[in-house]
């Protein structure tokens, strides 16, 4: 049972890191952003997608905190 909790914690931390990196990616101007609604060149920063992925990163960190293995 201890390994399952540790695995969930690590997975939630990895997912939070990925979401944070994606949020940072959507802030960078001049780079192609595939999920954006900019129909011409998809290269402007998108604050909406940054906020969404940032919120998902925070939720993943909360899940990681809740599933953190307890020390004795």
PDB file of N, CA and C in Angstrom:
ATOM      1  N   UNK A   1       0.822  -1.187   0.000  1.00  0.00           N
ATOM      2  CA  UNK A   1       0.000   0.000   0.000  1.00  0.00           C
ATOM      3  C   UNK A   1       0.872   1.260   0.000  1.00  0.00           C
ATOM      4  N   UNK A   2       2.012   1.190   0.649  1.00  0.00           N
ATOM      5  CA  UNK A   2       2.896   2.337   0.717  1.00  0.00           C
ATOM      6  C   UNK A   2       3.440   2.697  -0.668  1.00  0.00           C
ATOM      7  N   UNK A   3       3.753   1.706  -1.494  1.00  0.00           N
ATOM      8  CA  UNK A   3       4.279   1.964  -2.823  1.00  0.00           C
ATOM      9  C   UNK A   3       3.244   2.634  -3.714  1.00  0.00           C
ATOM     10  N   UNK A   4       1.972   2.274  -3.565  1.00  0.00           N
ATOM     11  CA  UNK A   4       0.919   2.879  -4.364  1.00  0.00           C
ATOM     12  C   UNK A   4       0.795   4.369  -4.060  1.00  0.00           C
ATOM     13  N   UNK A   5       0.859   4.729  -2.796  1.00  0.00           N
ATOM     14  CA  UNK A   5       0.767   6.132  -2.409  1.00  0.00           C
ATOM     15  C   UNK A   5       1.967   6.913  -2.923  1.00  0.00           C
ATOM     16  N   UNK A   6       3.146   6.311  -2.844  1.00  0.00           N
ATOM     17  CA  UNK A   6       4.348   6.960  -3.334  1.00  0.00           C
ATOM     18  C   UNK A   6       4.271   7.138  -4.852  1.00  0.00           C
ATOM     19  N   UNK A   7       3.747   6.143  -5.550  1.00  0.00           N
ATOM     20  CA  UNK A   7       3.605   6.237  -7.002  1.00  0.00           C
ATOM     21  C   UNK A   7       2.636   7.332  -7.413  1.00  0.00           C
ATOM     22  N   UNK A   8       1.548   7.477  -6.680  1.00  0.00           N
ATOM     23  CA  UNK A   8       0.576   8.534  -6.964  1.00  0.00           C
ATOM     24  C   UNK A   8       1.187   9.907  -6.737  1.00  0.00           C
ATOM     25  N   UNK A   9       1.965  10.028  -5.676  1.00  0.00           N
ATOM     26  CA  UNK A   9       2.639  11.290  -5.378  1.00  0.00           C
ATOM     27  C   UNK A   9       3.598  11.675  -6.502  1.00  0.00           C
ATOM     28  N   UNK A  10       4.411  10.735  -6.935  1.00  0.00           N
ATOM     29  CA  UNK A  10       5.393  11.004  -7.989  1.00  0.00           C
ATOM     30  C   UNK A  10       4.687  11.338  -9.301  1.00  0.00           C
ATOM     31  N   UNK A  11       3.638  10.593  -9.625  1.00  0.00           N
ATOM     32  CA  UNK A  11       2.894  10.853 -10.854  1.00  0.00           C
ATOM     33  C   UNK A  11       2.255  12.237 -10.825  1.00  0.00           C
ATOM     34  N   UNK A  12       1.678  12.618  -9.708  1.00  0.00           N
ATOM     35  CA  UNK A  12       1.060  13.949  -9.596  1.00  0.00           C
ATOM     36  C   UNK A  12       2.106  15.047  -9.722  1.00  0.00           C
ATOM     37  N   UNK A  13       3.286  14.836  -9.177  1.00  0.00           N
ATOM     38  CA  UNK A  13       4.359  15.829  -9.308  1.00  0.00           C
ATOM     39  C   UNK A  13       4.828  15.944 -10.766  1.00  0.00           C
ATOM     40  N   UNK A  14       4.934  14.829 -11.463  1.00  0.00           N
ATOM     41  CA  UNK A  14       5.347  14.854 -12.867  1.00  0.00           C
ATOM     42  C   UNK A  14       4.298  15.562 -13.712  1.00  0.00           C
ATOM     43  N   UNK A  15       3.027  15.268 -13.460  1.00  0.00           N
ATOM     44  CA  UNK A  15       1.945  15.920 -14.205  1.00  0.00           C
ATOM     45  C   UNK A  15       1.944  17.422 -13.926  1.00  0.00           C
ATOM     46  N   UNK A  16       2.175  17.820 -12.684  1.00  0.00           N
ATOM     47  CA  UNK A  16       2.238  19.246 -12.345  1.00  0.00           C
ATOM     48  C   UNK A  16       3.391  19.922 -13.081  1.00  0.00           C
ATOM     49  N   UNK A  17       4.528  19.262 -13.162  1.00  0.00           N
ATOM     50  CA  UNK A  17       5.672  19.820 -13.878  1.00  0.00           C
ATOM     51  C   UNK A  17       5.365  19.978 -15.361  1.00  0.00           C
ATOM     52  N   UNK A  18       4.732  18.984 -15.958  1.00  0.00           N
ATOM     53  CA  UNK A  18       4.382  19.060 -17.379  1.00  0.00           C
ATOM     54  C   UNK A  18       3.405  20.209 -17.625  1.00  0.00           C
ATOM     55  N   UNK A  19       2.376  20.336 -16.782  1.00  0.00           N
ATOM     56  CA  UNK A  19       1.419  21.432 -16.938  1.00  0.00           C
ATOM     57  C   UNK A  19       2.095  22.786 -16.772  1.00  0.00           C
ATOM     58  N   UNK A  20       3.017  22.904 -15.841  1.00  0.00           N
ATOM     59  CA  UNK A  20       3.729  24.169 -15.637  1.00  0.00           C
ATOM     60  C   UNK A  20       4.592  24.509 -16.850  1.00  0.00           C
ATOM     61  N   UNK A  21       5.237  23.506 -17.431  1.00  0.00           N
ATOM     62  CA  UNK A  21       6.049  23.744 -18.630  1.00  0.00           C
ATOM     63  C   UNK A  21       5.179  24.161 -19.812  1.00  0.00           C
ATOM     64  N   UNK A  22       4.016  23.528 -19.960  1.00  0.00           N
ATOM     65  CA  UNK A  22       3.104  23.903 -21.047  1.00  0.00           C
ATOM     66  C   UNK A  22       2.593  25.326 -20.836  1.00  0.00           C
ATOM     67  N   UNK A  23       2.285  25.690 -19.590  1.00  0.00           N
ATOM     68  CA  UNK A  23       1.833  27.054 -19.295  1.00  0.00           C
ATOM     69  C   UNK A  23       2.918  28.060 -19.674  1.00  0.00           C
ATOM     70  N   UNK A  24       4.155  27.765 -19.341  1.00  0.00           N
ATOM     71  CA  UNK A  24       5.259  28.639 -19.724  1.00  0.00           C
ATOM     72  C   UNK A  24       5.448  28.712 -21.226  1.00  0.00           C
ATOM     73  N   UNK A  25       5.217  27.603 -21.907  1.00  0.00           N
ATOM     74  CA  UNK A  25       5.333  27.558 -23.366  1.00  0.00           C
ATOM     75  C   UNK A  25       4.348  28.509 -24.025  1.00  0.00           C
ATOM     76  N   UNK A  26       3.125  28.576 -23.501  1.00  0.00           N
ATOM     77  CA  UNK A  26       2.116  29.447 -24.105  1.00  0.00           C
ATOM     78  C   UNK A  26       2.352  30.929 -23.799  1.00  0.00           C
ATOM     79  N   UNK A  27       3.268  31.252 -22.918  1.00  0.00           N
ATOM     80  CA  UNK A  27       3.629  32.650 -22.663  1.00  0.00           C
ATOM     81  C   UNK A  27       4.705  33.167 -23.611  1.00  0.00           C
ATOM     82  N   UNK A  28       5.435  32.270 -24.244  1.00  0.00           N
ATOM     83  CA  UNK A  28       6.554  32.663 -25.101  1.00  0.00           C
ATOM     84  C   UNK A  28       6.017  33.162 -26.449  1.00  0.00           C
ATOM     85  N   UNK A  29       6.320  34.415 -26.804  1.00  0.00           N
ATOM     86  CA  UNK A  29       5.868  34.913 -28.113  1.00  0.00           C
ATOM     87  C   UNK A  29       6.782  34.422 -29.235  1.00  0.00           C
ATOM     88  N   UNK A  30       6.242  34.326 -30.434  1.00  0.00           N
ATOM     89  CA  UNK A  30       7.042  33.950 -31.594  1.00  0.00           C
ATOM     90  C   UNK A  30       7.208  32.461 -31.787  1.00  0.00           C
ATOM     91  N   UNK A  31       6.523  31.653 -30.976  1.00  0.00           N
ATOM     92  CA  UNK A  31       6.600  30.206 -31.092  1.00  0.00           C
ATOM     93  C   UNK A  31       5.225  29.703 -31.504  1.00  0.00           C
ATOM     94  N   UNK A  32       5.173  28.670 -32.342  1.00  0.00           N
ATOM     95  CA  UNK A  32       3.895  28.113 -32.784  1.00  0.00           C
ATOM     96  C   UNK A  32       3.161  27.489 -31.594  1.00  0.00           C
ATOM     97  N   UNK A  33       1.912  27.929 -31.364  1.00  0.00           N
ATOM     98  CA  UNK A  33       1.079  27.421 -30.280  1.00  0.00           C
ATOM     99  C   UNK A  33      -0.096  26.653 -30.883  1.00  0.00           C
ATOM    100  N   UNK A  34      -0.062  25.328 -30.875  1.00  0.00           N
ATOM    101  CA  UNK A  34      -1.055  24.537 -31.604  1.00  0.00           C
ATOM    102  C   UNK A  34      -2.475  24.625 -31.056  1.00  0.00           C
ATOM    103  N   UNK A  35      -2.698  24.863 -29.789  1.00  0.00           N
ATOM    104  CA  UNK A  35      -4.051  24.888 -29.242  1.00  0.00           C
ATOM    105  C   UNK A  35      -4.669  26.279 -29.214  1.00  0.00           C
ATOM    106  N   UNK A  36      -3.986  27.257 -29.779  1.00  0.00           N
ATOM    107  CA  UNK A  36      -4.474  28.640 -29.693  1.00  0.00           C
ATOM    108  C   UNK A  36      -5.583  28.887 -30.713  1.00  0.00           C
ATOM    109  N   UNK A  37      -6.332  29.965 -30.474  1.00  0.00           N
ATOM    110  CA  UNK A  37      -7.401  30.336 -31.387  1.00  0.00           C
ATOM    111  C   UNK A  37      -6.960  31.391 -32.399  1.00  0.00           C
ATOM    112  N   UNK A  38      -5.684  31.711 -32.403  1.00  0.00           N
ATOM    113  CA  UNK A  38      -5.128  32.634 -33.392  1.00  0.00           C
ATOM    114  C   UNK A  38      -5.096  31.897 -34.731  1.00  0.00           C
ATOM    115  N   UNK A  39      -5.941  32.298 -35.682  1.00  0.00           N
ATOM    116  CA  UNK A  39      -6.118  31.508 -36.905  1.00  0.00           C
ATOM    117  C   UNK A  39      -5.064  31.769 -37.979  1.00  0.00           C
ATOM    118  N   UNK A  40      -4.216  32.776 -37.787  1.00  0.00           N
ATOM    119  CA  UNK A  40      -3.264  33.100 -38.840  1.00  0.00           C
ATOM    120  C   UNK A  40      -1.918  32.421 -38.608  1.00  0.00           C
ATOM    121  N   UNK A  41      -1.224  32.795 -37.544  1.00  0.00           N
ATOM    122  CA  UNK A  41       0.137  32.277 -37.375  1.00  0.00           C
ATOM    123  C   UNK A  41       0.368  31.555 -36.052  1.00  0.00           C
ATOM    124  N   UNK A  42      -0.543  31.620 -35.115  1.00  0.00           N
ATOM    125  CA  UNK A  42      -0.448  30.906 -33.831  1.00  0.00           C
ATOM    126  C   UNK A  42       0.840  31.234 -33.071  1.00  0.00           C
ATOM    127  N   UNK A  43       1.310  32.458 -33.108  1.00  0.00           N
ATOM    128  CA  UNK A  43       2.592  32.773 -32.470  1.00  0.00           C
ATOM    129  C   UNK A  43       2.500  33.833 -31.378  1.00  0.00           C
ATOM    130  N   UNK A  44       1.325  34.337 -31.067  1.00  0.00           N
ATOM    131  CA  UNK A  44       1.208  35.339 -30.004  1.00  0.00           C
ATOM    132  C   UNK A  44       1.014  34.647 -28.655  1.00  0.00           C
ATOM    133  N   UNK A  45       1.437  35.270 -27.551  1.00  0.00           N
ATOM    134  CA  UNK A  45       1.225  34.659 -26.235  1.00  0.00           C
ATOM    135  C   UNK A  45      -0.270  34.553 -25.928  1.00  0.00           C
ATOM    136  N   UNK A  46      -0.660  33.503 -25.254  1.00  0.00           N
ATOM    137  CA  UNK A  46      -2.072  33.278 -24.952  1.00  0.00           C
ATOM    138  C   UNK A  46      -2.242  33.139 -23.447  1.00  0.00           C
ATOM    139  N   UNK A  47      -2.795  34.180 -22.838  1.00  0.00           N
ATOM    140  CA  UNK A  47      -2.945  34.207 -21.389  1.00  0.00           C
ATOM    141  C   UNK A  47      -4.032  33.253 -20.902  1.00  0.00           C
ATOM    142  N   UNK A  48      -5.064  33.017 -21.718  1.00  0.00           N
ATOM    143  CA  UNK A  48      -6.133  32.110 -21.309  1.00  0.00           C
ATOM    144  C   UNK A  48      -5.599  30.684 -21.154  1.00  0.00           C
ATOM    145  N   UNK A  49      -4.874  30.226 -22.158  1.00  0.00           N
ATOM    146  CA  UNK A  49      -4.314  28.875 -22.073  1.00  0.00           C
ATOM    147  C   UNK A  49      -3.248  28.780 -20.984  1.00  0.00           C
ATOM    148  N   UNK A  50      -2.508  29.853 -20.789  1.00  0.00           N
ATOM    149  CA  UNK A  50      -1.533  29.866 -19.705  1.00  0.00           C
ATOM    150  C   UNK A  50      -2.228  29.728 -18.358  1.00  0.00           C
ATOM    151  N   UNK A  51      -3.329  30.452 -18.172  1.00  0.00           N
ATOM    152  CA  UNK A  51      -4.076  30.365 -16.920  1.00  0.00           C
ATOM    153  C   UNK A  51      -4.676  28.978 -16.719  1.00  0.00           C
ATOM    154  N   UNK A  52      -5.189  28.373 -17.781  1.00  0.00           N
ATOM    155  CA  UNK A  52      -5.784  27.034 -17.678  1.00  0.00           C
ATOM    156  C   UNK A  52      -4.725  26.013 -17.277  1.00  0.00           C
ATOM    157  N   UNK A  53      -3.590  26.008 -17.972  1.00  0.00           N
ATOM    158  CA  UNK A  53      -2.544  25.039 -17.651  1.00  0.00           C
ATOM    159  C   UNK A  53      -1.900  25.345 -16.299  1.00  0.00           C
ATOM    160  N   UNK A  54      -1.834  26.606 -15.926  1.00  0.00           N
ATOM    161  CA  UNK A  54      -1.336  26.957 -14.594  1.00  0.00           C
ATOM    162  C   UNK A  54      -2.264  26.442 -13.503  1.00  0.00           C
ATOM    163  N   UNK A  55      -3.573  26.579 -13.719  1.00  0.00           N
ATOM    164  CA  UNK A  55      -4.542  26.062 -12.749  1.00  0.00           C
ATOM    165  C   UNK A  55      -4.467  24.541 -12.657  1.00  0.00           C
ATOM    166  N   UNK A  56      -4.283  23.874 -13.778  1.00  0.00           N
ATOM    167  CA  UNK A  56      -4.126  22.423 -13.755  1.00  0.00           C
ATOM    168  C   UNK A  56      -2.857  22.014 -13.008  1.00  0.00           C
ATOM    169  N   UNK A  57      -1.801  22.795 -13.147  1.00  0.00           N
ATOM    170  CA  UNK A  57      -0.565  22.515 -12.411  1.00  0.00           C
ATOM    171  C   UNK A  57      -0.792  22.659 -10.910  1.00  0.00           C
ATOM    172  N   UNK A  58      -1.518  23.701 -10.510  1.00  0.00           N
ATOM    173  CA  UNK A  58      -1.806  23.896  -9.085  1.00  0.00           C
ATOM    174  C   UNK A  58      -2.677  22.761  -8.553  1.00  0.00           C
ATOM    175  N   UNK A  59      -3.683  22.350  -9.322  1.00  0.00           N
ATOM    176  CA  UNK A  59      -4.522  21.227  -8.897  1.00  0.00           C
ATOM    177  C   UNK A  59      -3.713  19.942  -8.767  1.00  0.00           C
ATOM    178  N   UNK A  60      -2.767  19.738  -9.663  1.00  0.00           N
ATOM    179  CA  UNK A  60      -1.905  18.552  -9.571  1.00  0.00           C
ATOM    180  C   UNK A  60      -1.028  18.617  -8.328  1.00  0.00           C
ATOM    181  N   UNK A  61      -0.550  19.807  -7.983  1.00  0.00           N
ATOM    182  CA  UNK A  61       0.239  19.949  -6.758  1.00  0.00           C
ATOM    183  C   UNK A  61      -0.603  19.687  -5.515  1.00  0.00           C
ATOM    184  N   UNK A  62      -1.857  20.104  -5.539  1.00  0.00           N
ATOM    185  CA  UNK A  62      -2.756  19.815  -4.415  1.00  0.00           C
ATOM    186  C   UNK A  62      -2.971  18.312  -4.300  1.00  0.00           C
ATOM    187  N   UNK A  63      -3.187  17.644  -5.429  1.00  0.00           N
ATOM    188  CA  UNK A  63      -3.334  16.188  -5.410  1.00  0.00           C
ATOM    189  C   UNK A  63      -2.066  15.517  -4.892  1.00  0.00           C
ATOM    190  N   UNK A  64      -0.922  16.026  -5.297  1.00  0.00           N
ATOM    191  CA  UNK A  64       0.340  15.468  -4.813  1.00  0.00           C
ATOM    192  C   UNK A  64       0.466  15.637  -3.303  1.00  0.00           C
ATOM    193  N   UNK A  65       0.057  16.789  -2.805  1.00  0.00           N
ATOM    194  CA  UNK A  65       0.123  17.032  -1.363  1.00  0.00           C
ATOM    195  C   UNK A  65      -0.810  16.092  -0.604  1.00  0.00           C
ATOM    196  N   UNK A  66      -1.993  15.847  -1.163  1.00  0.00           N
ATOM    197  CA  UNK A  66      -2.949  14.961  -0.512  1.00  0.00           C
ATOM    198  C   UNK A  66      -2.514  13.496  -0.537  1.00  0.00           C
ATOM    199  N   UNK A  67      -1.774  13.116  -1.588  1.00  0.00           N
ATOM    200  CA  UNK A  67      -1.353  11.721  -1.692  1.00  0.00           C
ATOM    201  C   UNK A  67       0.079  11.508  -1.232  1.00  0.00           C
ATOM    202  N   UNK A  68       0.668  12.506  -0.613  1.00  0.00           N
ATOM    203  CA  UNK A  68       2.055  12.420  -0.148  1.00  0.00           C
ATOM    204  C   UNK A  68       2.194  11.310   0.887  1.00  0.00           C
ATOM    205  N   UNK A  69       3.229  10.481   0.756  1.00  0.00           N
ATOM    206  CA  UNK A  69       3.446   9.438   1.756  1.00  0.00           C
ATOM    207  C   UNK A  69       3.739  10.060   3.133  1.00  0.00           C
ATOM    208  N   UNK A  70       3.103   9.568   4.124  1.00  0.00           N
ATOM    209  CA  UNK A  70       3.272  10.080   5.496  1.00  0.00           C
ATOM    210  C   UNK A  70       4.472   9.401   6.146  1.00  0.00           C
ATOM    211  N   UNK A  71       5.250  10.186   6.860  1.00  0.00           N
ATOM    212  CA  UNK A  71       6.357   9.609   7.634  1.00  0.00           C
ATOM    213  C   UNK A  71       5.862   9.288   9.035  1.00  0.00           C
ATOM    214  N   UNK A  72       6.497   8.347   9.656  1.00  0.00           N
ATOM    215  CA  UNK A  72       6.061   7.915  10.994  1.00  0.00           C
ATOM    216  C   UNK A  72       6.614   8.781  12.057  1.00  0.00           C
TER     217      UNK A  72
END
